[in-house]
Amino acid sequence: MASHAFIHTKARFEKPAEYPERFPVPDHLVSWGSEYPEYAPPYYVSPVVIKNDSSANPAGWADPEDVSLLSEMPQQSFAGVLVHDAEGRALNPIGRTGIAGRGLLGKWGPNYAADPIITCINHGDHTVEMLAVQRKDNGQWAIPGGMVDKGEEITKTLTRELMEETGVRLDMGSGSLIYRGYVDDPRNTDHAWMETTAKHLHLDPETARRLDLVAGSDARAVRWFKLTPESVSQLYASHCALVKATLEELCREGKACVTKEEREIVERLLQRL
């Protein structure tokens, strides 16, 4: 299994309300290579995933619960070549999570998402803002992303999700690639986890203010979200890390979309994060 420079935390210490309690996984036992004979994670698959089992429901979006019905278990992901357990199920590439099965995730192995990150500078108070949605399931503010449909090109997913969740239509094909890989998500389990592609567009203030924001069905609200050390730290899942990477991208020399004054605003925020 590929080595990684970090270990997940949200995937061990957070969970959706319907999940059972996670089996304790201390830092030194996260890796599958670490001996942990006592490890006995509860098995959980959400009823909504079972209801959408594609082997029983032709309109379902989830993999069969019976892994033997899969044409092929994923062999690799953005995280690298995958290792499988004795039953043939792909194992979380970062390590143990304290829960077996798929939880709320439909696919065995990687579940691919796309995160469109849209920013602008507020010259009134010299702050950086990001287009964000408030999630209905937990009330947290988040990047307006979503799942990649089967066979869908990633730029199309980014553009579609942005439109569906915020009412904003922008061509994400011209966005800068910020991240592609594993996401430390509270829904993750030993056998199913989130991976994402995040792309970024920076708008001038005039264009940003002209946008007509409309919250989608999965969101309580949508707004230009002021980025501060406090607000960034409270973003959903790994979105804090994605925002930091976006700000670092904005600060790179030669970025035509930001002025020297705007770059200084971004740099001041980064120094506080």
Protein backbone atom coordinates (compact mmCIF):
# COMPACT_ATOMS: atom_id res chain seq x y z
CA MET A 1 0.00 0.00 0.00
CA ALA A 2 1.24 3.47 -0.80
CA SER A 3 2.67 5.44 2.10
CA HIS A 4 1.03 8.71 3.13
CA ALA A 5 2.33 11.74 4.98
CA PHE A 6 -0.80 12.09 7.13
CA ILE A 7 -3.29 10.01 9.05
CA HIS A 8 -7.00 10.69 8.99
CA THR A 9 -8.73 12.10 12.05
CA LYS A 10 -12.30 12.93 11.04
CA ALA A 11 -12.64 9.39 9.68
CA ARG A 12 -11.81 8.06 13.16
CA PHE A 13 -13.32 10.60 15.55
CA GLU A 14 -16.37 11.97 13.71
CA LYS A 15 -19.37 10.25 12.11
CA PRO A 16 -22.91 10.84 10.83
CA ALA A 17 -25.55 10.43 13.54
CA GLU A 18 -26.83 7.13 12.14
CA TYR A 19 -23.43 5.41 12.30
CA PRO A 20 -22.59 3.14 15.24
CA GLU A 21 -19.77 4.19 17.53
CA ARG A 22 -16.41 3.75 15.88
CA PHE A 23 -14.05 1.12 17.29
CA PRO A 24 -11.12 2.97 18.89
CA VAL A 25 -8.15 3.40 16.56
CA PRO A 26 -5.16 5.18 18.15
CA ASP A 27 -2.70 6.97 15.89
CA HIS A 28 -0.05 4.24 16.02
CA LEU A 29 -2.54 1.57 14.92
CA VAL A 30 -4.14 3.37 11.97
CA SER A 31 -1.92 1.66 9.40
CA TRP A 32 -3.05 -1.74 8.14
CA GLY A 33 0.56 -2.79 8.53
CA SER A 34 0.34 -2.36 12.31
CA GLU A 35 -0.68 -5.46 14.25
CA TYR A 36 -4.04 -4.90 15.97
CA PRO A 37 -5.52 -8.35 16.79
CA GLU A 38 -8.23 -6.79 18.99
CA TYR A 39 -9.58 -4.70 16.13
CA ALA A 40 -13.31 -5.47 15.77
CA PRO A 41 -15.07 -2.61 13.96
CA PRO A 42 -18.88 -2.70 13.74
CA TYR A 43 -20.25 -3.34 10.24
CA TYR A 44 -22.64 -0.70 8.95
CA VAL A 45 -24.36 0.08 5.66
CA SER A 46 -27.06 2.76 5.66
CA PRO A 47 -30.63 1.71 4.74
CA VAL A 48 -30.58 4.33 1.97
CA VAL A 49 -27.59 2.57 0.40
CA ILE A 50 -29.30 -0.83 0.63
CA LYS A 51 -32.45 0.68 -0.91
CA ASN A 52 -30.38 1.83 -3.89
CA ASP A 53 -28.49 -1.45 -4.40
CA SER A 54 -28.19 -1.56 -8.19
CA SER A 55 -28.41 -5.37 -8.25
CA ALA A 56 -31.96 -5.18 -6.84
CA ASN A 57 -33.04 -1.69 -7.91
CA PRO A 58 -32.41 -0.86 -11.61
CA ALA A 59 -32.52 2.84 -10.77
CA GLY A 60 -30.16 2.46 -7.80
CA TRP A 61 -26.87 4.33 -7.56
CA ALA A 62 -25.11 2.02 -5.11
CA ASP A 63 -22.90 -1.00 -5.66
CA PRO A 64 -24.35 -4.42 -4.78
CA GLU A 65 -24.06 -5.26 -1.10
CA ASP A 66 -22.83 -8.70 -2.18
CA VAL A 67 -19.32 -7.93 -3.43
CA SER A 68 -19.28 -11.12 -5.51
CA LEU A 69 -21.82 -9.44 -7.83
CA LEU A 70 -19.36 -6.68 -8.72
CA SER A 71 -17.75 -7.07 -12.13
CA GLU A 72 -14.50 -5.91 -10.53
CA MET A 73 -13.44 -4.41 -7.23
CA PRO A 74 -11.40 -1.19 -7.68
CA GLN A 75 -7.69 -1.91 -7.90
CA GLN A 76 -6.44 1.67 -7.63
CA SER A 77 -7.58 5.22 -6.92
CA PHE A 78 -6.12 8.71 -6.70
CA ALA A 79 -4.41 7.45 -3.54
CA GLY A 80 -2.52 4.75 -5.44
CA VAL A 81 -2.69 0.97 -5.81
CA LEU A 82 -5.23 -0.51 -3.37
CA VAL A 83 -4.89 -3.46 -1.01
CA HIS A 84 -7.83 -5.84 -0.49
CA ASP A 85 -8.99 -7.90 2.49
CA ALA A 86 -9.71 -11.63 2.57
CA GLU A 87 -13.22 -11.03 1.16
CA GLY A 88 -11.86 -9.06 -1.78
CA ARG A 89 -12.98 -5.66 -0.48
CA ALA A 90 -10.69 -2.67 -1.09
CA LEU A 91 -9.19 -1.30 2.12
CA ASN A 92 -9.08 2.39 3.01
CA PRO A 93 -5.64 3.53 1.74
CA ILE A 94 -4.99 5.72 4.79
CA GLY A 95 -5.82 2.95 7.25
CA ARG A 96 -8.36 1.85 9.85
CA THR A 97 -11.43 4.00 10.60
CA GLY A 98 -13.23 2.00 13.29
CA ILE A 99 -16.20 1.04 11.06
CA ALA A 100 -16.44 -1.69 8.42
CA GLY A 101 -18.84 -1.74 5.45
CA ARG A 102 -19.81 1.31 3.41
CA GLY A 103 -21.81 3.50 5.78
CA LEU A 104 -23.54 6.18 3.71
CA LEU A 105 -21.28 5.72 0.69
CA GLY A 106 -22.59 3.87 -2.34
CA LYS A 107 -19.39 2.51 -3.82
CA TRP A 108 -17.03 -0.09 -2.43
CA GLY A 109 -13.62 1.59 -2.38
CA PRO A 110 -13.23 5.17 -3.63
CA ASN A 111 -16.32 7.37 -4.00
CA TYR A 112 -15.40 10.24 -6.29
CA ALA A 113 -16.51 13.83 -5.72
CA ALA A 114 -15.77 17.22 -7.27
CA ASP A 115 -15.31 20.49 -5.38
CA PRO A 116 -15.60 23.82 -7.24
CA ILE A 117 -13.89 26.56 -5.21
CA ILE A 118 -14.93 30.12 -6.10
CA THR A 119 -13.28 33.10 -4.38
CA CYS A 120 -13.24 36.88 -4.57
CA ILE A 121 -11.75 39.80 -2.65
CA ASN A 122 -14.03 42.10 -0.66
CA HIS A 123 -12.36 45.50 -1.07
CA GLY A 124 -14.72 47.06 1.46
CA ASP A 125 -13.19 45.29 4.44
CA HIS A 126 -10.09 43.83 2.74
CA THR A 127 -11.06 40.20 3.24
CA VAL A 128 -11.17 37.05 1.13
CA GLU A 129 -14.57 35.47 0.52
CA MET A 130 -15.57 32.07 -0.83
CA LEU A 131 -18.86 30.94 -2.34
CA ALA A 132 -20.14 28.43 0.24
CA VAL A 133 -23.23 26.43 1.09
CA GLN A 134 -24.59 25.48 4.48
CA ARG A 135 -25.24 21.74 4.53
CA LYS A 136 -28.68 20.53 5.55
CA ASP A 137 -27.41 17.37 7.25
CA ASN A 138 -25.17 19.02 9.85
CA GLY A 139 -25.41 22.79 9.41
CA GLN A 140 -21.73 23.18 8.58
CA TRP A 141 -20.52 25.52 5.85
CA ALA A 142 -18.81 23.82 2.94
CA ILE A 143 -17.49 24.07 -0.59
CA PRO A 144 -20.46 23.40 -2.94
CA GLY A 145 -19.32 20.01 -4.23
CA GLY A 146 -20.97 16.72 -5.06
CA MET A 147 -20.58 13.22 -6.44
CA VAL A 148 -19.27 12.40 -9.90
CA ASP A 149 -21.88 10.55 -11.97
CA LYS A 150 -20.79 7.32 -13.64
CA GLY A 151 -18.87 8.12 -16.81
CA GLU A 152 -19.06 11.89 -16.22
CA GLU A 153 -16.06 14.06 -17.10
CA ILE A 154 -14.80 15.89 -14.03
CA THR A 155 -15.12 19.41 -15.44
CA LYS A 156 -18.77 18.71 -16.22
CA THR A 157 -19.30 17.52 -12.64
CA LEU A 158 -17.69 20.66 -11.21
CA THR A 159 -19.83 22.94 -13.39
CA ARG A 160 -23.01 20.95 -12.71
CA GLU A 161 -22.55 20.79 -8.94
CA LEU A 162 -21.82 24.50 -8.73
CA MET A 163 -25.04 25.24 -10.60
CA GLU A 164 -27.17 22.76 -8.65
CA GLU A 165 -25.97 23.88 -5.21
CA THR A 166 -25.57 27.66 -5.67
CA GLY A 167 -27.50 28.62 -8.82
CA VAL A 168 -24.26 29.94 -10.34
CA ARG A 169 -23.23 28.92 -13.84
CA LEU A 170 -19.49 29.19 -14.46
CA ASP A 171 -17.18 27.23 -16.75
CA MET A 172 -14.93 25.28 -14.39
CA GLY A 173 -12.83 24.07 -17.29
CA SER A 174 -10.62 27.13 -16.89
CA GLY A 175 -10.16 26.59 -13.16
CA SER A 176 -6.82 25.80 -11.51
CA LEU A 177 -6.37 22.29 -10.15
CA ILE A 178 -5.96 22.58 -6.38
CA TYR A 179 -6.11 18.98 -5.20
CA ARG A 180 -6.87 15.46 -6.35
CA GLY A 181 -6.85 12.67 -3.78
CA TYR A 182 -8.17 11.23 -0.52
CA VAL A 183 -10.58 13.24 1.64
CA ASP A 184 -10.66 12.87 5.43
CA ASP A 185 -14.46 12.66 5.63
CA PRO A 186 -16.70 11.67 8.58
CA ARG A 187 -18.55 9.22 6.29
CA ASN A 188 -15.44 7.19 5.52
CA THR A 189 -15.16 3.56 6.55
CA ASP A 190 -12.63 0.76 6.22
CA HIS A 191 -14.13 -0.25 2.87
CA ALA A 192 -15.51 2.98 1.37
CA TRP A 193 -14.10 6.49 1.38
CA MET A 194 -14.22 9.87 -0.35
CA GLU A 195 -11.74 11.13 -2.93
CA THR A 196 -12.10 14.43 -4.73
CA THR A 197 -10.89 16.73 -7.47
CA ALA A 198 -10.91 20.40 -6.44
CA LYS A 199 -10.58 23.24 -8.95
CA HIS A 200 -10.51 26.97 -8.27
CA LEU A 201 -11.79 30.09 -10.02
CA HIS A 202 -11.09 33.60 -8.68
CA LEU A 203 -13.59 36.30 -9.64
CA ASP A 204 -13.25 40.05 -9.68
CA PRO A 205 -15.58 41.78 -7.18
CA GLU A 206 -17.92 43.16 -9.83
CA THR A 207 -18.50 39.75 -11.41
CA ALA A 208 -18.93 38.14 -7.99
CA ARG A 209 -21.61 40.62 -6.86
CA ARG A 210 -23.60 40.15 -10.06
CA LEU A 211 -24.11 36.47 -9.39
CA ASP A 212 -27.64 35.44 -8.42
CA LEU A 213 -27.21 32.96 -5.57
CA VAL A 214 -29.89 30.29 -5.12
CA ALA A 215 -29.44 27.48 -2.58
CA GLY A 216 -30.00 23.99 -3.99
CA SER A 217 -32.12 21.26 -2.44
CA ASP A 218 -29.19 19.89 -0.40
CA ALA A 219 -28.35 23.25 1.16
CA ARG A 220 -29.93 25.40 3.86
CA ALA A 221 -28.30 28.53 2.47
CA VAL A 222 -25.68 29.86 0.08
CA ARG A 223 -23.62 33.04 0.46
CA TRP A 224 -20.27 34.69 0.07
CA PHE A 225 -18.50 33.30 3.11
CA LYS A 226 -15.88 35.48 4.79
CA LEU A 227 -12.66 33.50 5.34
CA THR A 228 -11.15 33.98 8.79
CA PRO A 229 -9.05 31.63 10.94
CA GLU A 230 -12.17 30.76 12.92
CA SER A 231 -14.53 30.22 9.97
CA VAL A 232 -12.00 28.21 7.93
CA SER A 233 -11.27 25.86 10.86
CA GLN A 234 -14.99 25.02 11.15
CA LEU A 235 -15.56 24.08 7.50
CA TYR A 236 -16.88 20.61 6.68
CA ALA A 237 -14.58 17.58 6.33
CA SER A 238 -11.23 18.39 4.67
CA HIS A 239 -12.43 21.70 3.23
CA CYS A 240 -10.15 23.65 5.56
CA ALA A 241 -7.11 22.08 3.85
CA LEU A 242 -8.58 22.74 0.40
CA VAL A 243 -9.12 26.41 1.24
CA LYS A 244 -5.54 26.77 2.50
CA ALA A 245 -4.22 25.20 -0.70
CA THR A 246 -6.39 27.60 -2.72
CA LEU A 247 -5.04 30.63 -0.90
CA GLU A 248 -1.48 29.42 -1.46
CA GLU A 249 -2.27 29.10 -5.17
CA LEU A 250 -3.59 32.68 -5.24
CA CYS A 251 -0.35 33.94 -3.73
CA ARG A 252 1.88 32.46 -6.41
CA GLU A 253 3.79 34.95 -8.45
CA GLY A 254 2.39 35.59 -11.89
CA LYS A 255 -1.28 34.99 -11.04
CA ALA A 256 -2.96 37.43 -13.41
CA CYS A 257 -6.33 37.25 -11.64
CA VAL A 258 -5.08 39.09 -8.53
CA THR A 259 -3.49 42.49 -8.09
CA LYS A 260 -0.54 43.18 -5.79
CA GLU A 261 -2.93 44.66 -3.20
CA GLU A 262 -5.21 41.62 -3.38
CA ARG A 263 -2.26 39.24 -3.05
CA GLU A 264 -1.24 41.05 0.13
CA ILE A 265 -4.75 40.54 1.55
CA VAL A 266 -4.51 36.81 0.81
CA GLU A 267 -1.02 36.58 2.29
CA ARG A 268 -2.14 38.26 5.53
CA LEU A 269 -4.94 35.71 5.87
CA LEU A 270 -2.60 32.80 5.19
CA GLN A 271 -0.23 33.97 7.89
CA ARG A 272 -3.09 33.73 10.42
CA LEU A 273 -4.28 30.25 9.42
